[in-house]
PDB file of N, CA and C in Angstrom:
ATOM      1  N   MET A   1     -66.816  20.572  -4.096  1.00  0.00           N
ATOM      2  CA  MET A   1     -66.463  21.482  -5.111  1.00  0.00           C
ATOM      3  C   MET A   1     -65.346  22.507  -4.846  1.00  0.00           C
ATOM      4  N   ASP A   2     -64.818  22.797  -5.586  1.00  0.00           N
ATOM      5  CA  ASP A   2     -63.560  23.814  -5.488  1.00  0.00           C
ATOM      6  C   ASP A   2     -63.660  25.153  -6.198  1.00  0.00           C
ATOM      7  N   LEU A   3     -63.827  26.123  -5.428  1.00  0.00           N
ATOM      8  CA  LEU A   3     -63.954  27.273  -6.329  1.00  0.00           C
ATOM      9  C   LEU A   3     -62.781  28.244  -6.060  1.00  0.00           C
ATOM     10  N   SER A   4     -62.320  29.262  -6.779  1.00  0.00           N
ATOM     11  CA  SER A   4     -61.132  29.944  -6.558  1.00  0.00           C
ATOM     12  C   SER A   4     -61.265  30.803  -5.225  1.00  0.00           C
ATOM     13  N   GLY A   5     -60.095  30.904  -4.827  1.00  0.00           N
ATOM     14  CA  GLY A   5     -59.715  31.628  -3.507  1.00  0.00           C
ATOM     15  C   GLY A   5     -58.512  31.806  -3.310  1.00  0.00           C
ATOM     16  N   SER A   6     -58.038  31.238  -2.168  1.00  0.00           N
ATOM     17  CA  SER A   6     -56.573  31.343  -1.852  1.00  0.00           C
ATOM     18  C   SER A   6     -55.534  30.383  -2.536  1.00  0.00           C
ATOM     19  N   GLY A   7     -55.600  30.344  -3.779  1.00  0.00           N
ATOM     20  CA  GLY A   7     -54.519  29.294  -4.375  1.00  0.00           C
ATOM     21  C   GLY A   7     -55.227  27.977  -4.661  1.00  0.00           C
ATOM     22  N   PHE A   8     -54.321  27.073  -4.899  1.00  0.00           N
ATOM     23  CA  PHE A   8     -55.031  25.738  -5.415  1.00  0.00           C
ATOM     24  C   PHE A   8     -54.535  24.710  -4.608  1.00  0.00           C
ATOM     25  N   GLU A   9     -54.269  25.050  -3.136  1.00  0.00           N
ATOM     26  CA  GLU A   9     -53.489  24.263  -2.530  1.00  0.00           C
ATOM     27  C   GLU A   9     -54.136  22.562  -2.162  1.00  0.00           C
ATOM     28  N   THR A  10     -55.501  22.797  -1.888  1.00  0.00           N
ATOM     29  CA  THR A  10     -56.240  21.599  -1.677  1.00  0.00           C
ATOM     30  C   THR A  10     -55.918  20.420  -2.925  1.00  0.00           C
ATOM     31  N   ALA A  11     -56.146  20.907  -4.159  1.00  0.00           N
ATOM     32  CA  ALA A  11     -55.721  20.013  -5.289  1.00  0.00           C
ATOM     33  C   ALA A  11     -54.365  19.580  -5.343  1.00  0.00           C
ATOM     34  N   ALA A  12     -53.515  20.582  -5.049  1.00  0.00           N
ATOM     35  CA  ALA A  12     -51.945  20.022  -5.010  1.00  0.00           C
ATOM     36  C   ALA A  12     -51.726  19.050  -3.882  1.00  0.00           C
ATOM     37  N   HIS A  13     -52.377  19.121  -2.676  1.00  0.00           N
ATOM     38  CA  HIS A  13     -52.413  17.915  -1.662  1.00  0.00           C
ATOM     39  C   HIS A  13     -52.735  16.662  -2.137  1.00  0.00           C
ATOM     40  N   VAL A  14     -54.087  16.861  -2.447  1.00  0.00           N
ATOM     41  CA  VAL A  14     -54.729  15.790  -3.120  1.00  0.00           C
ATOM     42  C   VAL A  14     -53.788  14.912  -4.237  1.00  0.00           C
ATOM     43  N   LEU A  15     -53.454  15.740  -5.295  1.00  0.00           N
ATOM     44  CA  LEU A  15     -52.498  15.185  -6.274  1.00  0.00           C
ATOM     45  C   LEU A  15     -51.112  14.326  -5.574  1.00  0.00           C
ATOM     46  N   GLN A  16     -50.739  15.067  -4.586  1.00  0.00           N
ATOM     47  CA  GLN A  16     -49.486  14.409  -3.810  1.00  0.00           C
ATOM     48  C   GLN A  16     -49.840  13.303  -3.220  1.00  0.00           C
ATOM     49  N   THR A  17     -50.706  13.388  -2.296  1.00  0.00           N
ATOM     50  CA  THR A  17     -51.043  12.316  -1.310  1.00  0.00           C
ATOM     51  C   THR A  17     -52.249  11.249  -1.640  1.00  0.00           C
ATOM     52  N   GLY A  18     -53.274  11.908  -2.535  1.00  0.00           N
ATOM     53  CA  GLY A  18     -54.489  11.124  -2.393  1.00  0.00           C
ATOM     54  C   GLY A  18     -55.285  11.076  -1.418  1.00  0.00           C
ATOM     55  N   ARG A  19     -55.004  11.785  -0.304  1.00  0.00           N
ATOM     56  CA  ARG A  19     -55.821  12.125   0.795  1.00  0.00           C
ATOM     57  C   ARG A  19     -56.659  13.421   1.093  1.00  0.00           C
ATOM     58  N   LEU A  20     -57.609  13.400   1.688  1.00  0.00           N
ATOM     59  CA  LEU A  20     -58.268  14.671   2.026  1.00  0.00           C
ATOM     60  C   LEU A  20     -59.205  14.304   3.317  1.00  0.00           C
ATOM     61  N   THR A  21     -59.083  15.609   3.965  1.00  0.00           N
ATOM     62  CA  THR A  21     -59.828  15.603   5.334  1.00  0.00           C
ATOM     63  C   THR A  21     -60.908  16.777   5.327  1.00  0.00           C
ATOM     64  N   VAL A  22     -62.304  16.232   5.662  1.00  0.00           N
ATOM     65  CA  VAL A  22     -63.316  17.216   5.704  1.00  0.00           C
ATOM     66  C   VAL A  22     -63.591  17.483   7.246  1.00  0.00           C
ATOM     67  N   MET A  23     -63.848  18.708   7.660  1.00  0.00           N
ATOM     68  CA  MET A  23     -63.924  19.083   8.916  1.00  0.00           C
ATOM     69  C   MET A  23     -65.220  19.778   9.074  1.00  0.00           C
ATOM     70  N   PHE A  24     -66.089  19.262   9.867  1.00  0.00           N
ATOM     71  CA  PHE A  24     -67.439  20.000  10.190  1.00  0.00           C
ATOM     72  C   PHE A  24     -67.230  20.563  11.592  1.00  0.00           C
ATOM     73  N   VAL A  25     -67.621  21.905  11.790  1.00  0.00           N
ATOM     74  CA  VAL A  25     -67.474  22.453  13.266  1.00  0.00           C
ATOM     75  C   VAL A  25     -68.835  23.114  13.570  1.00  0.00           C
ATOM     76  N   ASN A  26     -69.460  22.725  14.559  1.00  0.00           N
ATOM     77  CA  ASN A  26     -70.444  23.451  15.126  1.00  0.00           C
ATOM     78  C   ASN A  26     -70.034  24.451  16.163  1.00  0.00           C
ATOM     79  N   LEU A  27     -70.344  25.786  15.856  1.00  0.00           N
ATOM     80  CA  LEU A  27     -69.936  26.826  16.627  1.00  0.00           C
ATOM     81  C   LEU A  27     -71.133  27.769  16.907  1.00  0.00           C
ATOM     82  N   VAL A  28     -72.349  27.227  16.567  1.00  0.00           N
ATOM     83  CA  VAL A  28     -73.526  28.120  16.667  1.00  0.00           C
ATOM     84  C   VAL A  28     -74.020  28.044  18.218  1.00  0.00           C
ATOM     85  N   GLU A  29     -74.076  27.077  18.879  1.00  0.00           N
ATOM     86  CA  GLU A  29     -74.621  27.086  20.307  1.00  0.00           C
ATOM     87  C   GLU A  29     -73.726  25.722  21.154  1.00  0.00           C
ATOM     88  N   GLY A  30     -73.594  26.074  22.395  1.00  0.00           N
ATOM     89  CA  GLY A  30     -72.871  25.039  23.221  1.00  0.00           C
ATOM     90  C   GLY A  30     -71.543  25.007  22.840  1.00  0.00           C
ATOM     91  N   PRO A  31     -70.628  23.985  23.400  1.00  0.00           N
ATOM     92  CA  PRO A  31     -69.241  24.158  23.121  1.00  0.00           C
ATOM     93  C   PRO A  31     -68.937  23.452  21.627  1.00  0.00           C
ATOM     94  N   PRO A  32     -68.061  23.768  21.143  1.00  0.00           N
ATOM     95  CA  PRO A  32     -67.633  23.584  19.751  1.00  0.00           C
ATOM     96  C   PRO A  32     -67.771  21.938  19.616  1.00  0.00           C
ATOM     97  N   ARG A  33     -68.254  21.500  18.526  1.00  0.00           N
ATOM     98  CA  ARG A  33     -68.315  20.026  18.251  1.00  0.00           C
ATOM     99  C   ARG A  33     -67.711  19.687  16.998  1.00  0.00           C
ATOM    100  N   ILE A  34     -66.760  18.867  16.810  1.00  0.00           N
ATOM    101  CA  ILE A  34     -66.070  18.674  15.550  1.00  0.00           C
ATOM    102  C   ILE A  34     -66.233  17.444  15.036  1.00  0.00           C
ATOM    103  N   VAL A  35     -66.562  17.086  13.857  1.00  0.00           N
ATOM    104  CA  VAL A  35     -66.393  15.896  13.305  1.00  0.00           C
ATOM    105  C   VAL A  35     -65.626  15.869  12.007  1.00  0.00           C
ATOM    106  N   ARG A  36     -64.731  15.049  11.861  1.00  0.00           N
ATOM    107  CA  ARG A  36     -63.679  14.869  10.816  1.00  0.00           C
ATOM    108  C   ARG A  36     -63.946  13.583   9.939  1.00  0.00           C
ATOM    109  N   LEU A  37     -63.987  13.709   8.637  1.00  0.00           N
ATOM    110  CA  LEU A  37     -64.110  12.578   7.761  1.00  0.00           C
ATOM    111  C   LEU A  37     -62.817  12.304   7.026  1.00  0.00           C
ATOM    112  N   PHE A  38     -62.123  11.319   7.172  1.00  0.00           N
ATOM    113  CA  PHE A  38     -60.816  11.295   6.554  1.00  0.00           C
ATOM    114  C   PHE A  38     -60.794  10.177   5.190  1.00  0.00           C
ATOM    115  N   SER A  39     -60.294  10.546   4.259  1.00  0.00           N
ATOM    116  CA  SER A  39     -60.574   9.955   2.996  1.00  0.00           C
ATOM    117  C   SER A  39     -59.221   9.689   2.435  1.00  0.00           C
ATOM    118  N   ARG A  40     -58.833   8.317   1.987  1.00  0.00           N
ATOM    119  CA  ARG A  40     -57.661   7.824   1.267  1.00  0.00           C
ATOM    120  C   ARG A  40     -57.750   7.761  -0.091  1.00  0.00           C
ATOM    121  N   ARG A  41     -59.009   7.877  -0.543  1.00  0.00           N
ATOM    122  CA  ARG A  41     -59.123   7.928  -2.222  1.00  0.00           C
ATOM    123  C   ARG A  41     -59.983   9.021  -2.308  1.00  0.00           C
ATOM    124  N   VAL A  42     -59.150   9.883  -3.143  1.00  0.00           N
ATOM    125  CA  VAL A  42     -59.991  11.236  -3.629  1.00  0.00           C
ATOM    126  C   VAL A  42     -59.731  11.110  -5.105  1.00  0.00           C
ATOM    127  N   SER A  43     -60.637  11.498  -5.952  1.00  0.00           N
ATOM    128  CA  SER A  43     -60.620  11.762  -7.384  1.00  0.00           C
ATOM    129  C   SER A  43     -60.763  13.217  -7.613  1.00  0.00           C
ATOM    130  N   LEU A  44     -59.956  13.722  -8.412  1.00  0.00           N
ATOM    131  CA  LEU A  44     -60.198  15.275  -8.543  1.00  0.00           C
ATOM    132  C   LEU A  44     -60.625  15.201 -10.129  1.00  0.00           C
ATOM    133  N   ARG A  45     -61.915  15.885 -10.370  1.00  0.00           N
ATOM    134  CA  ARG A  45     -62.576  16.118 -11.669  1.00  0.00           C
ATOM    135  C   ARG A  45     -62.629  17.410 -12.230  1.00  0.00           C
ATOM    136  N   LEU A  46     -61.957  17.786 -13.099  1.00  0.00           N
ATOM    137  CA  LEU A  46     -62.129  19.083 -13.571  1.00  0.00           C
ATOM    138  C   LEU A  46     -63.443  19.419 -14.473  1.00  0.00           C
ATOM    139  N   PRO A  47     -63.882  20.636 -14.463  1.00  0.00           N
ATOM    140  CA  PRO A  47     -65.152  20.929 -14.955  1.00  0.00           C
ATOM    141  C   PRO A  47     -65.572  20.314 -16.130  1.00  0.00           C
ATOM    142  N   ASP A  48     -64.602  19.997 -17.154  1.00  0.00           N
ATOM    143  CA  ASP A  48     -65.089  19.215 -18.410  1.00  0.00           C
ATOM    144  C   ASP A  48     -64.970  17.722 -18.181  1.00  0.00           C
ATOM    145  N   GLU A  49     -64.613  17.334 -17.097  1.00  0.00           N
ATOM    146  CA  GLU A  49     -64.659  15.745 -16.985  1.00  0.00           C
ATOM    147  C   GLU A  49     -65.752  15.492 -16.047  1.00  0.00           C
ATOM    148  N   CYS A  50     -66.686  16.315 -15.602  1.00  0.00           N
ATOM    149  CA  CYS A  50     -67.845  16.171 -14.812  1.00  0.00           C
ATOM    150  C   CYS A  50     -68.973  16.016 -15.799  1.00  0.00           C
ATOM    151  N   SER A  51     -69.680  14.581 -15.361  1.00  0.00           N
ATOM    152  CA  SER A  51     -71.005  14.378 -15.943  1.00  0.00           C
ATOM    153  C   SER A  51     -71.887  15.359 -15.615  1.00  0.00           C
ATOM    154  N   VAL A  52     -72.962  15.539 -16.463  1.00  0.00           N
ATOM    155  CA  VAL A  52     -74.204  16.358 -16.186  1.00  0.00           C
ATOM    156  C   VAL A  52     -75.003  15.810 -14.824  1.00  0.00           C
ATOM    157  N   GLU A  53     -74.924  14.480 -14.635  1.00  0.00           N
ATOM    158  CA  GLU A  53     -75.438  13.993 -13.454  1.00  0.00           C
ATOM    159  C   GLU A  53     -74.832  14.318 -12.107  1.00  0.00           C
ATOM    160  N   LEU A  54     -73.284  14.454 -12.299  1.00  0.00           N
ATOM    161  CA  LEU A  54     -72.762  14.828 -11.204  1.00  0.00           C
ATOM    162  C   LEU A  54     -72.915  16.148 -10.828  1.00  0.00           C
ATOM    163  N   LEU A  55     -72.793  17.069 -11.845  1.00  0.00           N
ATOM    164  CA  LEU A  55     -73.017  18.427 -11.535  1.00  0.00           C
ATOM    165  C   LEU A  55     -74.374  18.954 -11.135  1.00  0.00           C
ATOM    166  N   ALA A  56     -75.372  18.065 -11.205  1.00  0.00           N
ATOM    167  CA  ALA A  56     -76.639  18.173 -10.980  1.00  0.00           C
ATOM    168  C   ALA A  56     -76.964  18.239  -9.368  1.00  0.00           C
ATOM    169  N   HIS A  57     -75.793  17.823  -8.765  1.00  0.00           N
ATOM    170  CA  HIS A  57     -76.030  17.706  -7.225  1.00  0.00           C
ATOM    171  C   HIS A  57     -75.570  19.110  -6.644  1.00  0.00           C
ATOM    172  N   PHE A  58     -75.118  19.980  -7.436  1.00  0.00           N
ATOM    173  CA  PHE A  58     -74.682  21.167  -6.886  1.00  0.00           C
ATOM    174  C   PHE A  58     -75.515  22.454  -7.629  1.00  0.00           C
ATOM    175  N   PRO A  59     -75.804  23.573  -6.887  1.00  0.00           N
ATOM    176  CA  PRO A  59     -76.653  24.681  -7.539  1.00  0.00           C
ATOM    177  C   PRO A  59     -76.027  25.185  -8.662  1.00  0.00           C
ATOM    178  N   GLU A  60     -76.609  25.684  -9.582  1.00  0.00           N
ATOM    179  CA  GLU A  60     -76.010  26.044 -10.904  1.00  0.00           C
ATOM    180  C   GLU A  60     -75.160  27.565 -10.501  1.00  0.00           C
ATOM    181  N   SER A  61     -75.668  28.207  -9.434  1.00  0.00           N
ATOM    182  CA  SER A  61     -74.707  29.270  -9.266  1.00  0.00           C
ATOM    183  C   SER A  61     -73.271  28.904  -8.855  1.00  0.00           C
ATOM    184  N   LEU A  62     -73.117  27.924  -8.494  1.00  0.00           N
ATOM    185  CA  LEU A  62     -71.644  27.366  -8.425  1.00  0.00           C
ATOM    186  C   LEU A  62     -71.076  26.646  -9.637  1.00  0.00           C
ATOM    187  N   THR A  63     -71.970  25.928 -10.283  1.00  0.00           N
ATOM    188  CA  THR A  63     -71.219  25.348 -11.411  1.00  0.00           C
ATOM    189  C   THR A  63     -71.171  26.154 -12.708  1.00  0.00           C
ATOM    190  N   LEU A  64     -71.706  27.249 -12.609  1.00  0.00           N
ATOM    191  CA  LEU A  64     -71.687  28.317 -13.515  1.00  0.00           C
ATOM    192  C   LEU A  64     -70.727  29.432 -13.259  1.00  0.00           C
ATOM    193  N   ASP A  65     -70.291  29.382 -11.990  1.00  0.00           N
ATOM    194  CA  ASP A  65     -69.255  30.414 -11.637  1.00  0.00           C
ATOM    195  C   ASP A  65     -67.973  30.161 -12.427  1.00  0.00           C
ATOM    196  N   PRO A  66     -67.472  31.464 -12.731  1.00  0.00           N
ATOM    197  CA  PRO A  66     -66.178  31.467 -13.477  1.00  0.00           C
ATOM    198  C   PRO A  66     -64.948  30.822 -12.721  1.00  0.00           C
ATOM    199  N   GLY A  67     -65.204  30.677 -11.278  1.00  0.00           N
ATOM    200  CA  GLY A  67     -64.153  30.258 -10.446  1.00  0.00           C
ATOM    201  C   GLY A  67     -64.252  28.845 -10.391  1.00  0.00           C
ATOM    202  N   PHE A  68     -65.047  28.202 -10.699  1.00  0.00           N
ATOM    203  CA  PHE A  68     -65.355  26.677 -10.466  1.00  0.00           C
ATOM    204  C   PHE A  68     -64.163  25.949 -10.909  1.00  0.00           C
ATOM    205  N   ARG A  69     -63.420  25.352 -10.192  1.00  0.00           N
ATOM    206  CA  ARG A  69     -62.116  24.726 -10.683  1.00  0.00           C
ATOM    207  C   ARG A  69     -62.195  22.993 -10.611  1.00  0.00           C
ATOM    208  N   CYS A  70     -62.945  22.417  -9.771  1.00  0.00           N
ATOM    209  CA  CYS A  70     -62.864  21.068  -9.937  1.00  0.00           C
ATOM    210  C   CYS A  70     -63.911  20.535  -8.822  1.00  0.00           C
ATOM    211  N   VAL A  71     -64.142  19.147  -8.845  1.00  0.00           N
ATOM    212  CA  VAL A  71     -65.024  18.454  -7.724  1.00  0.00           C
ATOM    213  C   VAL A  71     -64.084  17.375  -7.210  1.00  0.00           C
ATOM    214  N   TYR A  72     -64.109  17.243  -6.204  1.00  0.00           N
ATOM    215  CA  TYR A  72     -63.526  16.123  -5.352  1.00  0.00           C
ATOM    216  C   TYR A  72     -64.544  15.158  -4.971  1.00  0.00           C
ATOM    217  N   GLU A  73     -64.116  13.803  -5.398  1.00  0.00           N
ATOM    218  CA  GLU A  73     -64.935  12.547  -5.101  1.00  0.00           C
ATOM    219  C   GLU A  73     -64.327  11.745  -4.009  1.00  0.00           C
ATOM    220  N   LEU A  74     -64.870  11.669  -2.846  1.00  0.00           N
ATOM    221  CA  LEU A  74     -63.991  11.117  -1.795  1.00  0.00           C
ATOM    222  C   LEU A  74     -64.683   9.595  -1.491  1.00  0.00           C
ATOM    223  N   GLU A  75     -63.741   8.804  -0.964  1.00  0.00           N
ATOM    224  CA  GLU A  75     -64.254   7.439  -0.329  1.00  0.00           C
ATOM    225  C   GLU A  75     -64.006   7.531   1.032  1.00  0.00           C
ATOM    226  N   VAL A  76     -65.169   7.732   1.912  1.00  0.00           N
ATOM    227  CA  VAL A  76     -64.885   7.924   3.295  1.00  0.00           C
ATOM    228  C   VAL A  76     -65.481   6.509   3.966  1.00  0.00           C
ATOM    229  N   ARG A  77     -64.467   5.898   4.786  1.00  0.00           N
ATOM    230  CA  ARG A  77     -65.106   4.714   5.528  1.00  0.00           C
ATOM    231  C   ARG A  77     -65.317   5.053   7.111  1.00  0.00           C
ATOM    232  N   ALA A  78     -66.355   4.284   7.648  1.00  0.00           N
ATOM    233  CA  ALA A  78     -66.565   4.600   8.977  1.00  0.00           C
ATOM    234  C   ALA A  78     -65.660   3.717   9.766  1.00  0.00           C
TER     235      ALA A  78
END
C-alpha cells in the first residue's frame, strides 16, 4: 500500500519499468540481515479499483487515510 509522503516516485518507476524491489532489514539485534524480494510483474491499483476483499487485508486506519494512493500487487518468484 502506498500512502502520501515524499512524492509518488514508486508508482512512477513501476509504471515505467513494471518492476519493484521490496527490502526487509533487521537492525534490532546482531549484524544487519537483508532480504530482497524482486518482482518483475507489478500491478498498481488505485483506491477506487481495489475490491473490498483486497482492502480487507489492510487496517482501516490505512484504507481510510486521506493519503492512501494505491496498492501494489507483486509477483515474486523464488
